[in-house]
Amino acid sequence: MRKFLAVLAGTLVLTALPAQAAPRDPEAELARAVQGRVAGEPVDCIDLNRVRSSRIIDDTAIVYDAGSVVYVNRPRSGAESLDRWDTMVTRLWGSSRLCSIDTVRLVDTSSRMMTGVVFLGEFVPYRRVQTGAAN
């Protein structure tokens, strides 16, 4: 009976431990986001009216999808606060353009507490590679 209780207790302890997720590789995730695209010259601002969606790459970058162009912003400061589960809050001053001098506040979705501030850098546009027969 003692052995049974010891095995049962050990089983309960093991099932109570959280499952270990495979470590994420942010650079590989970013590479997948721009796969099949070529980087262009960085720009200081993007027009948010053209942006369809945005997503956070943990501790690394923010990716803005503008249809034919994907913009990658590696923040000048605060990248360690980037968490894909947070909500980005951006305050624009007078226009619908997001620029490298702007900041983005990060808010935890469930607690609604601010988790960090990101100081944006330049936006690197990635465009699809043109394939086709040369004339």
N, C-alpha and C. Protein backbone atom coordinates (compact mmCIF):
# COMPACT_ATOMS: atom_id res chain seq x y z
N MET A 1 0.81 -1.19 0.00
CA MET A 1 0.00 0.00 0.00
C MET A 1 0.87 1.26 0.00
N ARG A 2 1.99 1.21 0.74
CA ARG A 2 2.88 2.36 0.80
C ARG A 2 3.45 2.67 -0.58
N LYS A 3 3.84 1.63 -1.32
CA LYS A 3 4.38 1.83 -2.66
C LYS A 3 3.32 2.46 -3.57
N PHE A 4 2.11 1.98 -3.45
CA PHE A 4 1.04 2.52 -4.27
C PHE A 4 0.83 4.01 -3.99
N LEU A 5 0.83 4.39 -2.74
CA LEU A 5 0.65 5.80 -2.38
C LEU A 5 1.82 6.64 -2.87
N ALA A 6 3.03 6.11 -2.80
CA ALA A 6 4.20 6.84 -3.28
C ALA A 6 4.12 7.05 -4.79
N VAL A 7 3.73 6.02 -5.52
CA VAL A 7 3.60 6.13 -6.97
C VAL A 7 2.47 7.10 -7.32
N LEU A 8 1.36 7.03 -6.61
CA LEU A 8 0.24 7.93 -6.85
C LEU A 8 0.64 9.38 -6.58
N ALA A 9 1.36 9.63 -5.49
CA ALA A 9 1.81 10.98 -5.17
C ALA A 9 2.77 11.49 -6.24
N GLY A 10 3.67 10.65 -6.70
CA GLY A 10 4.61 11.05 -7.75
C GLY A 10 3.89 11.38 -9.06
N THR A 11 2.88 10.60 -9.37
CA THR A 11 2.10 10.86 -10.58
C THR A 11 1.36 12.18 -10.48
N LEU A 12 0.78 12.46 -9.34
CA LEU A 12 0.07 13.72 -9.15
C LEU A 12 1.01 14.92 -9.27
N VAL A 13 2.21 14.79 -8.74
CA VAL A 13 3.19 15.88 -8.82
C VAL A 13 3.56 16.12 -10.28
N LEU A 14 3.81 15.06 -11.03
CA LEU A 14 4.20 15.20 -12.43
C LEU A 14 3.09 15.80 -13.28
N THR A 15 1.84 15.43 -13.02
CA THR A 15 0.75 16.00 -13.81
C THR A 15 0.46 17.44 -13.43
N ALA A 16 0.86 17.86 -12.25
CA ALA A 16 0.62 19.24 -11.83
C ALA A 16 1.65 20.20 -12.40
N LEU A 17 2.80 19.70 -12.83
CA LEU A 17 3.83 20.56 -13.41
C LEU A 17 3.40 21.04 -14.78
N PRO A 18 3.67 22.31 -15.12
CA PRO A 18 3.30 22.80 -16.45
C PRO A 18 4.15 22.15 -17.53
N ALA A 19 3.55 21.95 -18.66
CA ALA A 19 4.29 21.37 -19.79
C ALA A 19 5.31 22.38 -20.29
N GLN A 20 6.49 21.92 -20.59
CA GLN A 20 7.54 22.78 -21.11
C GLN A 20 7.36 22.94 -22.62
N ALA A 21 7.12 24.16 -23.04
CA ALA A 21 6.98 24.44 -24.46
C ALA A 21 8.36 24.49 -25.11
N ALA A 22 8.39 24.16 -26.38
CA ALA A 22 9.65 24.25 -27.10
C ALA A 22 10.09 25.71 -27.14
N PRO A 23 11.38 25.97 -26.96
CA PRO A 23 11.84 27.37 -26.98
C PRO A 23 11.58 27.99 -28.35
N ARG A 24 11.14 29.24 -28.32
CA ARG A 24 10.82 29.96 -29.56
C ARG A 24 12.09 30.64 -30.07
N ASP A 25 12.22 30.68 -31.37
CA ASP A 25 13.33 31.37 -31.99
C ASP A 25 12.77 32.58 -32.73
N PRO A 26 12.85 33.79 -32.12
CA PRO A 26 12.25 34.97 -32.74
C PRO A 26 12.83 35.30 -34.12
N GLU A 27 14.11 35.11 -34.31
CA GLU A 27 14.72 35.42 -35.61
C GLU A 27 14.18 34.49 -36.70
N ALA A 28 13.97 33.23 -36.36
CA ALA A 28 13.40 32.29 -37.34
C ALA A 28 11.95 32.66 -37.64
N GLU A 29 11.21 33.10 -36.63
CA GLU A 29 9.83 33.53 -36.83
C GLU A 29 9.78 34.77 -37.73
N LEU A 30 10.71 35.70 -37.52
CA LEU A 30 10.78 36.90 -38.35
C LEU A 30 11.15 36.53 -39.79
N ALA A 31 12.06 35.59 -39.95
CA ALA A 31 12.45 35.14 -41.29
C ALA A 31 11.26 34.53 -42.03
N ARG A 32 10.42 33.79 -41.32
CA ARG A 32 9.22 33.22 -41.94
C ARG A 32 8.24 34.33 -42.35
N ALA A 33 8.17 35.40 -41.55
CA ALA A 33 7.24 36.50 -41.84
C ALA A 33 7.62 37.24 -43.12
N VAL A 34 8.90 37.25 -43.47
CA VAL A 34 9.34 37.99 -44.67
C VAL A 34 9.84 37.04 -45.76
N GLN A 35 9.57 35.76 -45.61
CA GLN A 35 10.02 34.77 -46.58
C GLN A 35 9.48 35.09 -47.97
N GLY A 36 10.35 35.01 -48.98
CA GLY A 36 9.97 35.29 -50.34
C GLY A 36 9.93 36.78 -50.67
N ARG A 37 10.46 37.58 -49.77
CA ARG A 37 10.47 39.04 -49.96
C ARG A 37 11.90 39.55 -49.87
N VAL A 38 12.11 40.73 -50.44
CA VAL A 38 13.43 41.36 -50.43
C VAL A 38 13.33 42.68 -49.69
N ALA A 39 14.32 42.94 -48.84
CA ALA A 39 14.34 44.18 -48.07
C ALA A 39 14.66 45.37 -48.96
N GLY A 40 13.98 46.48 -48.71
CA GLY A 40 14.24 47.73 -49.41
C GLY A 40 14.93 48.72 -48.49
N GLU A 41 15.05 49.95 -48.93
CA GLU A 41 15.66 51.00 -48.12
C GLU A 41 14.72 51.36 -46.97
N PRO A 42 15.25 51.48 -45.75
CA PRO A 42 14.41 51.85 -44.60
C PRO A 42 13.74 53.21 -44.80
N VAL A 43 12.53 53.33 -44.25
CA VAL A 43 11.78 54.58 -44.29
C VAL A 43 11.47 55.02 -42.87
N ASP A 44 11.26 56.32 -42.70
CA ASP A 44 10.99 56.85 -41.36
C ASP A 44 9.54 56.69 -40.94
N CYS A 45 8.60 56.69 -41.89
CA CYS A 45 7.17 56.64 -41.54
C CYS A 45 6.43 55.67 -42.46
N ILE A 46 5.31 55.15 -41.93
CA ILE A 46 4.40 54.36 -42.74
C ILE A 46 2.99 54.92 -42.55
N ASP A 47 2.15 54.74 -43.56
CA ASP A 47 0.77 55.20 -43.51
C ASP A 47 -0.08 54.09 -42.90
N LEU A 48 -0.63 54.33 -41.72
CA LEU A 48 -1.41 53.29 -41.04
C LEU A 48 -2.72 52.97 -41.75
N ASN A 49 -3.19 53.86 -42.62
CA ASN A 49 -4.41 53.56 -43.39
C ASN A 49 -4.18 52.39 -44.34
N ARG A 50 -2.95 52.12 -44.69
CA ARG A 50 -2.63 51.01 -45.61
C ARG A 50 -2.34 49.71 -44.87
N VAL A 51 -2.12 49.78 -43.57
CA VAL A 51 -1.76 48.59 -42.79
C VAL A 51 -3.00 47.74 -42.52
N ARG A 52 -2.93 46.48 -42.91
CA ARG A 52 -4.03 45.54 -42.71
C ARG A 52 -3.99 44.90 -41.33
N SER A 53 -2.77 44.60 -40.89
CA SER A 53 -2.61 43.95 -39.59
C SER A 53 -1.19 44.18 -39.08
N SER A 54 -1.00 43.91 -37.82
CA SER A 54 0.34 44.00 -37.23
C SER A 54 0.49 42.85 -36.25
N ARG A 55 1.73 42.49 -36.04
CA ARG A 55 1.99 41.43 -35.05
C ARG A 55 3.34 41.63 -34.43
N ILE A 56 3.46 41.12 -33.23
CA ILE A 56 4.70 41.25 -32.46
C ILE A 56 5.50 39.96 -32.59
N ILE A 57 6.78 40.10 -32.84
CA ILE A 57 7.73 38.99 -32.75
C ILE A 57 8.43 39.19 -31.42
N ASP A 58 8.24 38.25 -30.50
CA ASP A 58 8.75 38.40 -29.13
C ASP A 58 10.18 38.91 -29.06
N ASP A 59 10.39 39.92 -28.24
CA ASP A 59 11.72 40.46 -27.92
C ASP A 59 12.51 40.95 -29.15
N THR A 60 11.86 41.11 -30.30
CA THR A 60 12.62 41.36 -31.52
C THR A 60 12.08 42.51 -32.37
N ALA A 61 10.84 42.40 -32.84
CA ALA A 61 10.34 43.34 -33.86
C ALA A 61 8.82 43.39 -33.88
N ILE A 62 8.33 44.40 -34.60
CA ILE A 62 6.90 44.50 -34.92
C ILE A 62 6.79 44.43 -36.44
N VAL A 63 5.88 43.59 -36.92
CA VAL A 63 5.67 43.42 -38.36
C VAL A 63 4.32 44.03 -38.72
N TYR A 64 4.35 44.97 -39.67
CA TYR A 64 3.15 45.64 -40.16
C TYR A 64 2.88 45.15 -41.57
N ASP A 65 1.73 44.52 -41.80
CA ASP A 65 1.37 43.99 -43.11
C ASP A 65 0.52 45.03 -43.85
N ALA A 66 1.07 45.57 -44.93
CA ALA A 66 0.37 46.55 -45.74
C ALA A 66 0.05 45.97 -47.12
N GLY A 67 -0.29 44.70 -47.17
CA GLY A 67 -0.64 44.07 -48.43
C GLY A 67 0.57 43.65 -49.23
N SER A 68 0.91 44.43 -50.24
CA SER A 68 2.04 44.06 -51.09
C SER A 68 3.38 44.31 -50.40
N VAL A 69 3.37 45.08 -49.32
CA VAL A 69 4.60 45.40 -48.59
C VAL A 69 4.42 45.01 -47.12
N VAL A 70 5.45 44.39 -46.58
CA VAL A 70 5.49 44.09 -45.15
C VAL A 70 6.59 44.95 -44.56
N TYR A 71 6.26 45.74 -43.54
CA TYR A 71 7.25 46.60 -42.88
C TYR A 71 7.69 45.96 -41.57
N VAL A 72 8.99 45.91 -41.35
CA VAL A 72 9.54 45.38 -40.11
C VAL A 72 10.18 46.52 -39.34
N ASN A 73 9.80 46.66 -38.09
CA ASN A 73 10.37 47.69 -37.24
C ASN A 73 11.08 47.02 -36.07
N ARG A 74 12.39 47.21 -36.03
CA ARG A 74 13.19 46.75 -34.89
C ARG A 74 13.38 47.97 -34.00
N PRO A 75 12.71 48.00 -32.85
CA PRO A 75 12.74 49.19 -32.01
C PRO A 75 14.15 49.61 -31.59
N ARG A 76 14.32 50.93 -31.45
CA ARG A 76 15.60 51.48 -30.96
C ARG A 76 15.79 51.11 -29.50
N SER A 77 14.69 51.02 -28.77
CA SER A 77 14.75 50.71 -27.35
C SER A 77 13.43 50.05 -26.93
N GLY A 78 13.52 49.14 -25.97
CA GLY A 78 12.33 48.51 -25.43
C GLY A 78 11.92 47.21 -26.08
N ALA A 79 12.73 46.70 -27.00
CA ALA A 79 12.37 45.46 -27.70
C ALA A 79 12.18 44.29 -26.74
N GLU A 80 12.89 44.33 -25.61
CA GLU A 80 12.75 43.23 -24.64
C GLU A 80 11.35 43.18 -24.02
N SER A 81 10.56 44.24 -24.20
CA SER A 81 9.19 44.27 -23.69
C SER A 81 8.20 43.65 -24.66
N LEU A 82 8.62 43.42 -25.90
CA LEU A 82 7.70 42.90 -26.90
C LEU A 82 7.26 41.47 -26.57
N ASP A 83 5.96 41.30 -26.46
CA ASP A 83 5.37 40.01 -26.14
C ASP A 83 4.14 39.84 -27.03
N ARG A 84 4.08 38.76 -27.78
CA ARG A 84 3.01 38.56 -28.75
C ARG A 84 1.63 38.56 -28.13
N TRP A 85 1.52 38.36 -26.83
CA TRP A 85 0.21 38.33 -26.17
C TRP A 85 -0.24 39.71 -25.73
N ASP A 86 0.62 40.72 -25.83
CA ASP A 86 0.26 42.08 -25.44
C ASP A 86 -0.47 42.79 -26.56
N THR A 87 -1.17 43.86 -26.19
CA THR A 87 -1.83 44.73 -27.15
C THR A 87 -0.99 45.97 -27.32
N MET A 88 -0.81 46.41 -28.58
CA MET A 88 -0.05 47.63 -28.86
C MET A 88 -0.99 48.82 -28.85
N VAL A 89 -0.60 49.87 -28.11
CA VAL A 89 -1.38 51.10 -28.06
C VAL A 89 -0.49 52.22 -28.60
N THR A 90 -0.96 52.83 -29.70
CA THR A 90 -0.19 53.88 -30.36
C THR A 90 -0.99 55.16 -30.36
N ARG A 91 -0.37 56.24 -29.99
CA ARG A 91 -1.03 57.55 -30.04
C ARG A 91 -0.41 58.34 -31.19
N LEU A 92 -1.27 58.72 -32.13
CA LEU A 92 -0.81 59.48 -33.29
C LEU A 92 -1.11 60.96 -33.06
N TRP A 93 -0.24 61.80 -33.53
CA TRP A 93 -0.38 63.24 -33.34
C TRP A 93 -0.67 63.91 -34.67
N GLY A 94 -1.95 64.09 -35.00
CA GLY A 94 -2.34 64.89 -36.14
C GLY A 94 -2.36 64.22 -37.50
N SER A 95 -1.91 62.98 -37.63
CA SER A 95 -1.94 62.33 -38.94
C SER A 95 -2.12 60.82 -38.73
N SER A 96 -2.24 60.12 -39.83
CA SER A 96 -2.38 58.66 -39.76
C SER A 96 -1.06 57.97 -40.07
N ARG A 97 0.03 58.70 -39.88
CA ARG A 97 1.36 58.15 -40.15
C ARG A 97 2.02 57.74 -38.84
N LEU A 98 2.63 56.57 -38.85
CA LEU A 98 3.41 56.09 -37.72
C LEU A 98 4.87 56.27 -38.10
N CYS A 99 5.63 56.95 -37.24
CA CYS A 99 7.01 57.30 -37.58
C CYS A 99 8.01 56.75 -36.57
N SER A 100 9.26 56.78 -36.97
CA SER A 100 10.34 56.24 -36.14
C SER A 100 10.55 57.04 -34.86
N ILE A 101 9.95 58.21 -34.74
CA ILE A 101 10.08 58.98 -33.50
C ILE A 101 8.94 58.68 -32.54
N ASP A 102 7.98 57.84 -32.94
CA ASP A 102 6.83 57.51 -32.11
C ASP A 102 7.15 56.39 -31.12
N THR A 103 6.28 56.27 -30.13
CA THR A 103 6.40 55.20 -29.15
C THR A 103 5.14 54.34 -29.19
N VAL A 104 5.29 53.11 -28.76
CA VAL A 104 4.17 52.18 -28.68
C VAL A 104 4.14 51.65 -27.25
N ARG A 105 2.98 51.80 -26.61
CA ARG A 105 2.80 51.23 -25.28
C ARG A 105 2.28 49.81 -25.42
N LEU A 106 2.75 48.93 -24.56
CA LEU A 106 2.31 47.54 -24.56
C LEU A 106 1.46 47.30 -23.33
N VAL A 107 0.29 46.68 -23.55
CA VAL A 107 -0.67 46.46 -22.47
C VAL A 107 -1.02 44.98 -22.43
N ASP A 108 -0.96 44.40 -21.22
CA ASP A 108 -1.36 43.01 -21.04
C ASP A 108 -2.87 42.91 -21.29
N THR A 109 -3.27 41.99 -22.13
CA THR A 109 -4.66 41.88 -22.54
C THR A 109 -5.59 41.53 -21.38
N SER A 110 -5.17 40.64 -20.51
CA SER A 110 -6.07 40.20 -19.45
C SER A 110 -6.12 41.17 -18.27
N SER A 111 -4.98 41.68 -17.84
CA SER A 111 -4.97 42.55 -16.66
C SER A 111 -5.15 44.03 -17.01
N ARG A 112 -4.95 44.37 -18.28
CA ARG A 112 -5.02 45.75 -18.77
C ARG A 112 -3.96 46.65 -18.13
N MET A 113 -2.89 46.04 -17.67
CA MET A 113 -1.77 46.77 -17.08
C MET A 113 -0.72 47.00 -18.16
N MET A 114 -0.09 48.17 -18.12
CA MET A 114 0.98 48.46 -19.07
C MET A 114 2.19 47.59 -18.74
N THR A 115 2.75 46.97 -19.77
CA THR A 115 3.89 46.07 -19.56
C THR A 115 5.19 46.62 -20.13
N GLY A 116 5.12 47.71 -20.90
CA GLY A 116 6.34 48.28 -21.44
C GLY A 116 6.07 49.37 -22.45
N VAL A 117 7.16 50.02 -22.85
CA VAL A 117 7.12 51.05 -23.88
C VAL A 117 8.22 50.74 -24.88
N VAL A 118 7.87 50.87 -26.15
CA VAL A 118 8.82 50.60 -27.23
C VAL A 118 9.05 51.90 -27.99
N PHE A 119 10.31 52.25 -28.21
CA PHE A 119 10.70 53.41 -29.01
C PHE A 119 11.03 52.89 -30.40
N LEU A 120 10.19 53.23 -31.37
CA LEU A 120 10.32 52.67 -32.72
C LEU A 120 11.60 53.09 -33.41
N GLY A 121 12.05 52.24 -34.31
CA GLY A 121 13.18 52.55 -35.18
C GLY A 121 12.66 52.76 -36.58
N GLU A 122 13.53 52.65 -37.56
CA GLU A 122 13.12 52.79 -38.96
C GLU A 122 12.32 51.56 -39.39
N PHE A 123 11.48 51.76 -40.39
CA PHE A 123 10.65 50.70 -40.95
C PHE A 123 11.32 50.17 -42.21
N VAL A 124 11.62 48.88 -42.21
CA VAL A 124 12.25 48.27 -43.38
C VAL A 124 11.16 47.60 -44.21
N PRO A 125 10.96 48.07 -45.46
CA PRO A 125 9.93 47.46 -46.32
C PRO A 125 10.45 46.18 -46.96
N TYR A 126 9.62 45.17 -46.99
CA TYR A 126 9.94 43.91 -47.66
C TYR A 126 8.90 43.70 -48.74
N ARG A 127 9.36 43.58 -49.99
CA ARG A 127 8.47 43.36 -51.12
C ARG A 127 8.73 41.98 -51.72
N ARG A 128 7.67 41.42 -52.29
CA ARG A 128 7.79 40.11 -52.93
C ARG A 128 8.78 40.16 -54.09
N VAL A 129 9.51 39.08 -54.25
CA VAL A 129 10.46 38.96 -55.35
C VAL A 129 9.67 38.76 -56.63
N GLN A 130 9.98 39.58 -57.65
CA GLN A 130 9.32 39.45 -58.96
C GLN A 130 9.94 38.28 -59.70
N THR A 131 9.10 37.33 -60.05
CA THR A 131 9.59 36.18 -60.83
C THR A 131 8.91 36.19 -62.19
N GLY A 132 9.61 35.76 -63.17
CA GLY A 132 9.04 35.71 -64.52
C GLY A 132 10.16 35.59 -65.54
N ALA A 133 9.77 35.35 -66.74
CA ALA A 133 10.75 35.18 -67.82
C ALA A 133 11.29 36.52 -68.25
N ALA A 134 12.58 36.57 -68.46
CA ALA A 134 13.22 37.80 -68.96
C ALA A 134 13.05 37.87 -70.46
N ASN A 135 12.81 39.04 -70.98
CA ASN A 135 12.63 39.20 -72.44
C ASN A 135 13.94 39.47 -73.10
